[in-house]
Amino acid sequence: MENASKALIIAGAILLAILIITLGIMVYRQASGVVDSNAMDEVSVSTFNQKFLQYEGENIRGANVNALINTVIQNNLTNKGDTSKQIKLVSGDTCTWNGTAYPKEAPTAAQTEKSGSALTGKSYKVTTHADEKSGYIDKITIEDAK
């Protein structure tokens, strides 16, 4: 009788160990799925932002600013349905776009399909702003370099 009770205790301990190991594996799989999706989100945000961050800085030549404007226009046309990936262009007080002087805000790429026409012999200051929630760049400010 004593052997039978010991066998039952051992069997119960084995079942309990199997249950604990199974729960541990389930928790690990759920956690790794979350980590993988966050890592993929970070990679996609970084890839998206890198297209525009390469133009950021002071004393950016007009030709590079024109390339940036064209990149923004192309991006906004490509991502028409996704508002989180739309980028707004904002100019300084004296910037001129496509031959028209805009006092504060340059036309967004959604408003115009023309390519940029910043003066190629001039220098500009380009700054980016990322949305706090999504991490995607949502605004680019282009000002005359001082």
N, C-alpha and C. Protein backbone atom coordinates (compact mmCIF):
# COMPACT_ATOMS: atom_id res chain seq x y z
N MET A 1 0.82 -1.18 0.00
CA MET A 1 0.00 0.00 0.00
C MET A 1 0.87 1.25 0.00
N GLU A 2 1.98 1.14 0.71
CA GLU A 2 2.87 2.27 0.80
C GLU A 2 3.50 2.57 -0.55
N ASN A 3 3.84 1.56 -1.33
CA ASN A 3 4.42 1.76 -2.65
C ASN A 3 3.42 2.40 -3.61
N ALA A 4 2.17 2.03 -3.49
CA ALA A 4 1.14 2.58 -4.37
C ALA A 4 0.96 4.08 -4.11
N SER A 5 0.97 4.50 -2.85
CA SER A 5 0.80 5.93 -2.56
C SER A 5 2.02 6.73 -3.04
N LYS A 6 3.21 6.13 -2.91
CA LYS A 6 4.41 6.80 -3.41
C LYS A 6 4.35 6.92 -4.93
N ALA A 7 3.86 5.92 -5.61
CA ALA A 7 3.75 5.95 -7.07
C ALA A 7 2.77 7.04 -7.51
N LEU A 8 1.67 7.18 -6.77
CA LEU A 8 0.70 8.23 -7.09
C LEU A 8 1.30 9.62 -6.88
N ILE A 9 2.06 9.80 -5.82
CA ILE A 9 2.69 11.09 -5.55
C ILE A 9 3.70 11.42 -6.66
N ILE A 10 4.49 10.43 -7.07
CA ILE A 10 5.47 10.64 -8.15
C ILE A 10 4.75 10.97 -9.46
N ALA A 11 3.67 10.26 -9.76
CA ALA A 11 2.90 10.52 -11.00
C ALA A 11 2.32 11.93 -10.96
N GLY A 12 1.80 12.35 -9.84
CA GLY A 12 1.26 13.70 -9.69
C GLY A 12 2.35 14.76 -9.88
N ALA A 13 3.52 14.50 -9.33
CA ALA A 13 4.63 15.44 -9.47
C ALA A 13 5.06 15.56 -10.93
N ILE A 14 5.08 14.43 -11.64
CA ILE A 14 5.45 14.45 -13.06
C ILE A 14 4.41 15.23 -13.87
N LEU A 15 3.13 15.02 -13.62
CA LEU A 15 2.07 15.75 -14.31
C LEU A 15 2.16 17.25 -14.03
N LEU A 16 2.43 17.60 -12.78
CA LEU A 16 2.58 19.01 -12.41
C LEU A 16 3.79 19.63 -13.12
N ALA A 17 4.90 18.91 -13.22
CA ALA A 17 6.08 19.41 -13.92
C ALA A 17 5.79 19.62 -15.40
N ILE A 18 5.06 18.68 -16.02
CA ILE A 18 4.69 18.81 -17.43
C ILE A 18 3.80 20.03 -17.63
N LEU A 19 2.85 20.26 -16.71
CA LEU A 19 1.97 21.41 -16.80
C LEU A 19 2.75 22.72 -16.70
N ILE A 20 3.70 22.80 -15.79
CA ILE A 20 4.51 24.01 -15.61
C ILE A 20 5.37 24.26 -16.85
N ILE A 21 5.97 23.22 -17.40
CA ILE A 21 6.79 23.37 -18.61
C ILE A 21 5.93 23.83 -19.79
N THR A 22 4.72 23.27 -19.92
CA THR A 22 3.81 23.66 -21.00
C THR A 22 3.41 25.13 -20.87
N LEU A 23 3.10 25.58 -19.67
CA LEU A 23 2.77 26.99 -19.46
C LEU A 23 3.95 27.89 -19.79
N GLY A 24 5.14 27.47 -19.41
CA GLY A 24 6.34 28.25 -19.72
C GLY A 24 6.55 28.39 -21.22
N ILE A 25 6.33 27.34 -21.96
CA ILE A 25 6.48 27.39 -23.43
C ILE A 25 5.42 28.30 -24.04
N MET A 26 4.19 28.25 -23.54
CA MET A 26 3.13 29.11 -24.06
C MET A 26 3.46 30.59 -23.81
N VAL A 27 3.92 30.91 -22.63
CA VAL A 27 4.27 32.30 -22.31
C VAL A 27 5.43 32.75 -23.19
N TYR A 28 6.42 31.90 -23.39
CA TYR A 28 7.57 32.24 -24.23
C TYR A 28 7.13 32.53 -25.67
N ARG A 29 6.25 31.69 -26.22
CA ARG A 29 5.80 31.89 -27.60
C ARG A 29 5.02 33.20 -27.75
N GLN A 30 4.18 33.50 -26.78
CA GLN A 30 3.43 34.76 -26.85
C GLN A 30 4.37 35.96 -26.75
N ALA A 31 5.33 35.89 -25.87
CA ALA A 31 6.26 37.00 -25.70
C ALA A 31 7.14 37.17 -26.92
N SER A 32 7.59 36.09 -27.53
CA SER A 32 8.44 36.21 -28.71
C SER A 32 7.66 36.77 -29.90
N GLY A 33 6.37 36.47 -29.99
CA GLY A 33 5.54 37.04 -31.05
C GLY A 33 5.43 38.55 -30.91
N VAL A 34 5.28 39.04 -29.70
CA VAL A 34 5.21 40.48 -29.46
C VAL A 34 6.53 41.14 -29.79
N VAL A 35 7.63 40.55 -29.38
CA VAL A 35 8.95 41.11 -29.65
C VAL A 35 9.20 41.15 -31.15
N ASP A 36 8.84 40.08 -31.88
CA ASP A 36 9.06 40.05 -33.32
C ASP A 36 8.25 41.13 -34.02
N SER A 37 6.99 41.34 -33.64
CA SER A 37 6.17 42.35 -34.30
C SER A 37 6.69 43.75 -33.99
N ASN A 38 7.15 44.00 -32.75
CA ASN A 38 7.73 45.30 -32.42
C ASN A 38 9.01 45.54 -33.20
N ALA A 39 9.82 44.51 -33.34
CA ALA A 39 11.06 44.66 -34.09
C ALA A 39 10.77 44.96 -35.55
N MET A 40 9.77 44.31 -36.11
CA MET A 40 9.39 44.57 -37.50
C MET A 40 8.86 45.99 -37.65
N ASP A 41 8.07 46.47 -36.68
CA ASP A 41 7.56 47.83 -36.73
C ASP A 41 8.70 48.83 -36.70
N GLU A 42 9.66 48.60 -35.83
CA GLU A 42 10.81 49.50 -35.73
C GLU A 42 11.62 49.51 -37.02
N VAL A 43 11.76 48.36 -37.64
CA VAL A 43 12.51 48.28 -38.90
C VAL A 43 11.77 49.03 -40.00
N SER A 44 10.45 48.88 -40.08
CA SER A 44 9.69 49.57 -41.13
C SER A 44 9.70 51.08 -40.91
N VAL A 45 9.60 51.54 -39.65
CA VAL A 45 9.68 52.97 -39.36
C VAL A 45 11.06 53.51 -39.71
N SER A 46 12.09 52.80 -39.34
CA SER A 46 13.45 53.23 -39.63
C SER A 46 13.70 53.29 -41.13
N THR A 47 13.23 52.30 -41.86
CA THR A 47 13.39 52.28 -43.31
C THR A 47 12.66 53.44 -43.95
N PHE A 48 11.43 53.70 -43.50
CA PHE A 48 10.65 54.81 -44.03
C PHE A 48 11.34 56.15 -43.76
N ASN A 49 11.74 56.36 -42.52
CA ASN A 49 12.35 57.64 -42.12
C ASN A 49 13.70 57.88 -42.78
N GLN A 50 14.46 56.83 -43.05
CA GLN A 50 15.81 56.99 -43.60
C GLN A 50 15.78 57.68 -44.95
N LYS A 51 14.71 57.50 -45.73
CA LYS A 51 14.60 58.15 -47.03
C LYS A 51 14.65 59.66 -46.90
N PHE A 52 14.20 60.19 -45.75
CA PHE A 52 14.10 61.63 -45.56
C PHE A 52 15.21 62.18 -44.66
N LEU A 53 15.69 61.36 -43.74
CA LEU A 53 16.73 61.81 -42.80
C LEU A 53 18.05 62.10 -43.50
N GLN A 54 18.27 61.49 -44.66
CA GLN A 54 19.53 61.73 -45.36
C GLN A 54 19.64 63.17 -45.86
N TYR A 55 18.51 63.88 -45.94
CA TYR A 55 18.51 65.26 -46.41
C TYR A 55 18.51 66.27 -45.26
N GLU A 56 18.46 65.79 -44.01
CA GLU A 56 18.35 66.69 -42.87
C GLU A 56 19.70 67.35 -42.56
N GLY A 57 19.64 68.63 -42.15
CA GLY A 57 20.85 69.32 -41.74
C GLY A 57 20.83 70.78 -42.15
N GLU A 58 21.95 71.44 -41.86
CA GLU A 58 22.10 72.85 -42.25
C GLU A 58 22.97 72.91 -43.50
N ASN A 59 22.83 73.98 -44.24
CA ASN A 59 23.59 74.20 -45.47
C ASN A 59 23.38 73.09 -46.50
N ILE A 60 22.13 72.69 -46.66
CA ILE A 60 21.77 71.70 -47.68
C ILE A 60 21.57 72.44 -49.00
N ARG A 61 22.22 72.01 -50.03
CA ARG A 61 22.15 72.67 -51.32
C ARG A 61 20.76 72.53 -51.93
N GLY A 62 20.42 73.48 -52.78
CA GLY A 62 19.10 73.52 -53.40
C GLY A 62 18.78 72.28 -54.20
N ALA A 63 19.78 71.70 -54.86
CA ALA A 63 19.56 70.48 -55.65
C ALA A 63 19.12 69.34 -54.74
N ASN A 64 19.73 69.25 -53.56
CA ASN A 64 19.33 68.21 -52.61
C ASN A 64 17.93 68.48 -52.05
N VAL A 65 17.59 69.75 -51.85
CA VAL A 65 16.26 70.11 -51.38
C VAL A 65 15.23 69.72 -52.43
N ASN A 66 15.55 69.97 -53.71
CA ASN A 66 14.65 69.56 -54.78
C ASN A 66 14.46 68.05 -54.80
N ALA A 67 15.53 67.29 -54.57
CA ALA A 67 15.42 65.84 -54.50
C ALA A 67 14.55 65.44 -53.32
N LEU A 68 14.71 66.12 -52.19
CA LEU A 68 13.86 65.84 -51.02
C LEU A 68 12.39 66.11 -51.34
N ILE A 69 12.12 67.24 -51.97
CA ILE A 69 10.73 67.59 -52.30
C ILE A 69 10.13 66.53 -53.22
N ASN A 70 10.90 66.11 -54.21
CA ASN A 70 10.41 65.07 -55.12
C ASN A 70 10.18 63.75 -54.39
N THR A 71 11.04 63.43 -53.43
CA THR A 71 10.87 62.21 -52.64
C THR A 71 9.60 62.29 -51.80
N VAL A 72 9.34 63.46 -51.21
CA VAL A 72 8.12 63.64 -50.41
C VAL A 72 6.88 63.53 -51.29
N ILE A 73 6.93 64.17 -52.46
CA ILE A 73 5.79 64.09 -53.37
C ILE A 73 5.53 62.65 -53.77
N GLN A 74 6.57 61.93 -54.13
CA GLN A 74 6.44 60.53 -54.52
C GLN A 74 5.90 59.69 -53.36
N ASN A 75 6.40 59.94 -52.15
CA ASN A 75 5.94 59.22 -50.97
C ASN A 75 4.45 59.46 -50.74
N ASN A 76 4.03 60.72 -50.81
CA ASN A 76 2.62 61.03 -50.53
C ASN A 76 1.70 60.46 -51.60
N LEU A 77 2.17 60.41 -52.83
CA LEU A 77 1.36 59.80 -53.88
C LEU A 77 1.27 58.28 -53.70
N THR A 78 2.37 57.68 -53.31
CA THR A 78 2.40 56.23 -53.09
C THR A 78 1.54 55.82 -51.91
N ASN A 79 1.52 56.63 -50.85
CA ASN A 79 0.81 56.30 -49.62
C ASN A 79 -0.45 57.14 -49.45
N LYS A 80 -1.19 57.37 -50.55
CA LYS A 80 -2.39 58.19 -50.47
C LYS A 80 -3.39 57.68 -49.43
N GLY A 81 -3.54 56.37 -49.31
CA GLY A 81 -4.52 55.81 -48.40
C GLY A 81 -4.08 55.71 -46.96
N ASP A 82 -2.82 55.93 -46.69
CA ASP A 82 -2.27 55.78 -45.34
C ASP A 82 -1.86 57.16 -44.80
N THR A 83 -2.73 57.76 -44.00
CA THR A 83 -2.46 59.11 -43.50
C THR A 83 -1.27 59.17 -42.55
N SER A 84 -0.92 58.06 -41.93
CA SER A 84 0.23 58.07 -41.01
C SER A 84 1.54 58.23 -41.76
N LYS A 85 1.55 57.99 -43.07
CA LYS A 85 2.77 58.11 -43.85
C LYS A 85 2.77 59.33 -44.76
N GLN A 86 1.80 60.21 -44.59
CA GLN A 86 1.76 61.45 -45.36
C GLN A 86 2.68 62.47 -44.70
N ILE A 87 3.45 63.19 -45.49
CA ILE A 87 4.41 64.16 -44.97
C ILE A 87 4.01 65.55 -45.44
N LYS A 88 4.03 66.49 -44.51
CA LYS A 88 3.70 67.88 -44.80
C LYS A 88 5.00 68.65 -44.92
N LEU A 89 5.10 69.44 -45.99
CA LEU A 89 6.26 70.31 -46.17
C LEU A 89 5.94 71.69 -45.62
N VAL A 90 6.83 72.23 -44.81
CA VAL A 90 6.66 73.57 -44.24
C VAL A 90 7.89 74.37 -44.61
N SER A 91 7.68 75.59 -45.10
CA SER A 91 8.82 76.41 -45.51
C SER A 91 9.05 77.52 -44.50
N GLY A 92 10.23 78.13 -44.57
CA GLY A 92 10.53 79.29 -43.75
C GLY A 92 9.85 80.52 -44.32
N ASP A 93 10.21 81.68 -43.82
CA ASP A 93 9.56 82.92 -44.23
C ASP A 93 9.81 83.29 -45.69
N THR A 94 10.96 82.91 -46.24
CA THR A 94 11.32 83.43 -47.56
C THR A 94 11.51 82.34 -48.62
N CYS A 95 11.10 81.13 -48.36
CA CYS A 95 11.31 80.07 -49.34
C CYS A 95 10.36 80.24 -50.53
N THR A 96 10.83 79.82 -51.68
CA THR A 96 10.04 79.89 -52.90
C THR A 96 9.92 78.48 -53.47
N TRP A 97 8.68 78.10 -53.81
CA TRP A 97 8.43 76.77 -54.38
C TRP A 97 7.78 76.96 -55.74
N ASN A 98 8.36 76.34 -56.75
CA ASN A 98 7.82 76.37 -58.10
C ASN A 98 7.54 77.80 -58.56
N GLY A 99 8.44 78.73 -58.22
CA GLY A 99 8.31 80.10 -58.66
C GLY A 99 7.33 80.93 -57.85
N THR A 100 6.70 80.37 -56.83
CA THR A 100 5.73 81.09 -56.02
C THR A 100 6.27 81.21 -54.61
N ALA A 101 6.24 82.41 -54.04
CA ALA A 101 6.70 82.61 -52.66
C ALA A 101 5.56 82.28 -51.72
N TYR A 102 5.82 81.42 -50.77
CA TYR A 102 4.84 81.05 -49.75
C TYR A 102 5.33 81.60 -48.42
N PRO A 103 4.48 82.36 -47.71
CA PRO A 103 4.95 83.01 -46.49
C PRO A 103 5.34 82.04 -45.38
N LYS A 104 4.57 81.03 -45.12
CA LYS A 104 4.89 80.12 -44.02
C LYS A 104 4.85 78.67 -44.44
N GLU A 105 3.86 78.29 -45.21
CA GLU A 105 3.65 76.88 -45.47
C GLU A 105 3.73 76.60 -46.96
N ALA A 106 4.65 75.74 -47.31
CA ALA A 106 4.75 75.32 -48.72
C ALA A 106 3.57 74.41 -49.03
N PRO A 107 3.19 74.31 -50.28
CA PRO A 107 2.09 73.40 -50.60
C PRO A 107 2.49 71.97 -50.29
N THR A 108 1.55 71.19 -49.79
CA THR A 108 1.85 69.80 -49.51
C THR A 108 1.95 69.05 -50.83
N ALA A 109 2.56 67.90 -50.78
CA ALA A 109 2.71 67.10 -52.00
C ALA A 109 1.35 66.66 -52.52
N ALA A 110 0.36 66.56 -51.63
CA ALA A 110 -0.98 66.19 -52.08
C ALA A 110 -1.61 67.33 -52.89
N GLN A 111 -1.19 68.59 -52.65
CA GLN A 111 -1.75 69.73 -53.35
C GLN A 111 -1.08 69.96 -54.70
N THR A 112 0.10 69.47 -54.88
CA THR A 112 0.80 69.71 -56.13
C THR A 112 1.50 68.44 -56.58
N GLU A 113 1.55 68.23 -57.86
CA GLU A 113 2.30 67.10 -58.39
C GLU A 113 3.52 67.59 -59.14
N LYS A 114 3.81 68.89 -59.04
CA LYS A 114 4.99 69.45 -59.68
C LYS A 114 6.22 69.11 -58.85
N SER A 115 7.35 69.04 -59.52
CA SER A 115 8.58 68.78 -58.78
C SER A 115 9.02 70.05 -58.07
N GLY A 116 9.92 69.90 -57.12
CA GLY A 116 10.40 71.03 -56.34
C GLY A 116 11.27 71.95 -57.18
N SER A 117 11.29 73.21 -56.79
CA SER A 117 12.15 74.15 -57.51
C SER A 117 12.82 75.10 -56.53
N ALA A 118 13.52 74.54 -55.56
CA ALA A 118 14.34 75.37 -54.69
C ALA A 118 15.52 75.86 -55.52
N LEU A 119 16.03 77.02 -55.19
CA LEU A 119 17.14 77.58 -55.95
C LEU A 119 18.39 76.74 -55.73
N THR A 120 18.98 76.26 -56.81
CA THR A 120 20.09 75.32 -56.69
C THR A 120 21.36 75.96 -56.14
N GLY A 121 21.53 77.25 -56.30
CA GLY A 121 22.73 77.91 -55.80
C GLY A 121 22.62 78.34 -54.35
N LYS A 122 21.49 78.09 -53.74
CA LYS A 122 21.23 78.54 -52.38
C LYS A 122 21.39 77.40 -51.39
N SER A 123 21.57 77.75 -50.11
CA SER A 123 21.64 76.75 -49.05
C SER A 123 20.39 76.83 -48.20
N TYR A 124 19.95 75.68 -47.71
CA TYR A 124 18.74 75.60 -46.91
C TYR A 124 19.01 74.79 -45.64
N LYS A 125 18.18 75.03 -44.66
CA LYS A 125 18.21 74.25 -43.42
C LYS A 125 16.99 73.34 -43.44
N VAL A 126 17.22 72.04 -43.31
CA VAL A 126 16.14 71.06 -43.37
C VAL A 126 16.04 70.36 -42.02
N THR A 127 14.85 70.41 -41.41
CA THR A 127 14.60 69.70 -40.16
C THR A 127 13.38 68.80 -40.32
N THR A 128 13.41 67.68 -39.64
CA THR A 128 12.30 66.72 -39.70
C THR A 128 11.63 66.63 -38.35
N HIS A 129 10.38 66.25 -38.38
CA HIS A 129 9.60 66.04 -37.16
C HIS A 129 8.89 64.70 -37.29
N ALA A 130 9.07 63.84 -36.30
CA ALA A 130 8.41 62.53 -36.31
C ALA A 130 7.18 62.54 -35.40
N ASP A 131 6.15 61.84 -35.82
CA ASP A 131 4.95 61.69 -35.02
C ASP A 131 5.30 60.88 -33.77
N GLU A 132 4.87 61.35 -32.60
CA GLU A 132 5.22 60.68 -31.35
C GLU A 132 4.59 59.29 -31.24
N LYS A 133 3.41 59.13 -31.79
CA LYS A 133 2.71 57.86 -31.67
C LYS A 133 3.25 56.80 -32.62
N SER A 134 3.35 57.15 -33.90
CA SER A 134 3.75 56.15 -34.89
C SER A 134 5.26 56.09 -35.11
N GLY A 135 5.95 57.20 -34.90
CA GLY A 135 7.39 57.25 -35.14
C GLY A 135 7.74 57.66 -36.56
N TYR A 136 6.75 57.70 -37.45
CA TYR A 136 7.00 58.11 -38.83
C TYR A 136 7.18 59.62 -38.92
N ILE A 137 8.06 60.06 -39.81
CA ILE A 137 8.21 61.49 -40.06
C ILE A 137 6.92 62.00 -40.66
N ASP A 138 6.38 63.09 -40.09
CA ASP A 138 5.12 63.63 -40.59
C ASP A 138 5.25 65.07 -41.07
N LYS A 139 6.39 65.71 -40.76
CA LYS A 139 6.56 67.10 -41.18
C LYS A 139 8.04 67.37 -41.44
N ILE A 140 8.30 68.09 -42.52
CA ILE A 140 9.67 68.50 -42.86
C ILE A 140 9.66 70.01 -43.06
N THR A 141 10.52 70.69 -42.34
CA THR A 141 10.62 72.15 -42.45
C THR A 141 11.86 72.49 -43.25
N ILE A 142 11.67 73.35 -44.25
CA ILE A 142 12.76 73.80 -45.10
C ILE A 142 12.84 75.32 -44.99
N GLU A 143 13.97 75.80 -44.49
CA GLU A 143 14.17 77.24 -44.30
C GLU A 143 15.43 77.68 -45.01
N ASP A 144 15.51 78.96 -45.30
CA ASP A 144 16.74 79.50 -45.85
C ASP A 144 17.83 79.39 -44.79
N ALA A 145 19.02 78.97 -45.19
CA ALA A 145 20.15 78.89 -44.26
C ALA A 145 20.59 80.29 -43.88
N LYS A 146 20.93 80.47 -42.64
CA LYS A 146 21.35 81.79 -42.15
C LYS A 146 22.84 81.95 -42.31
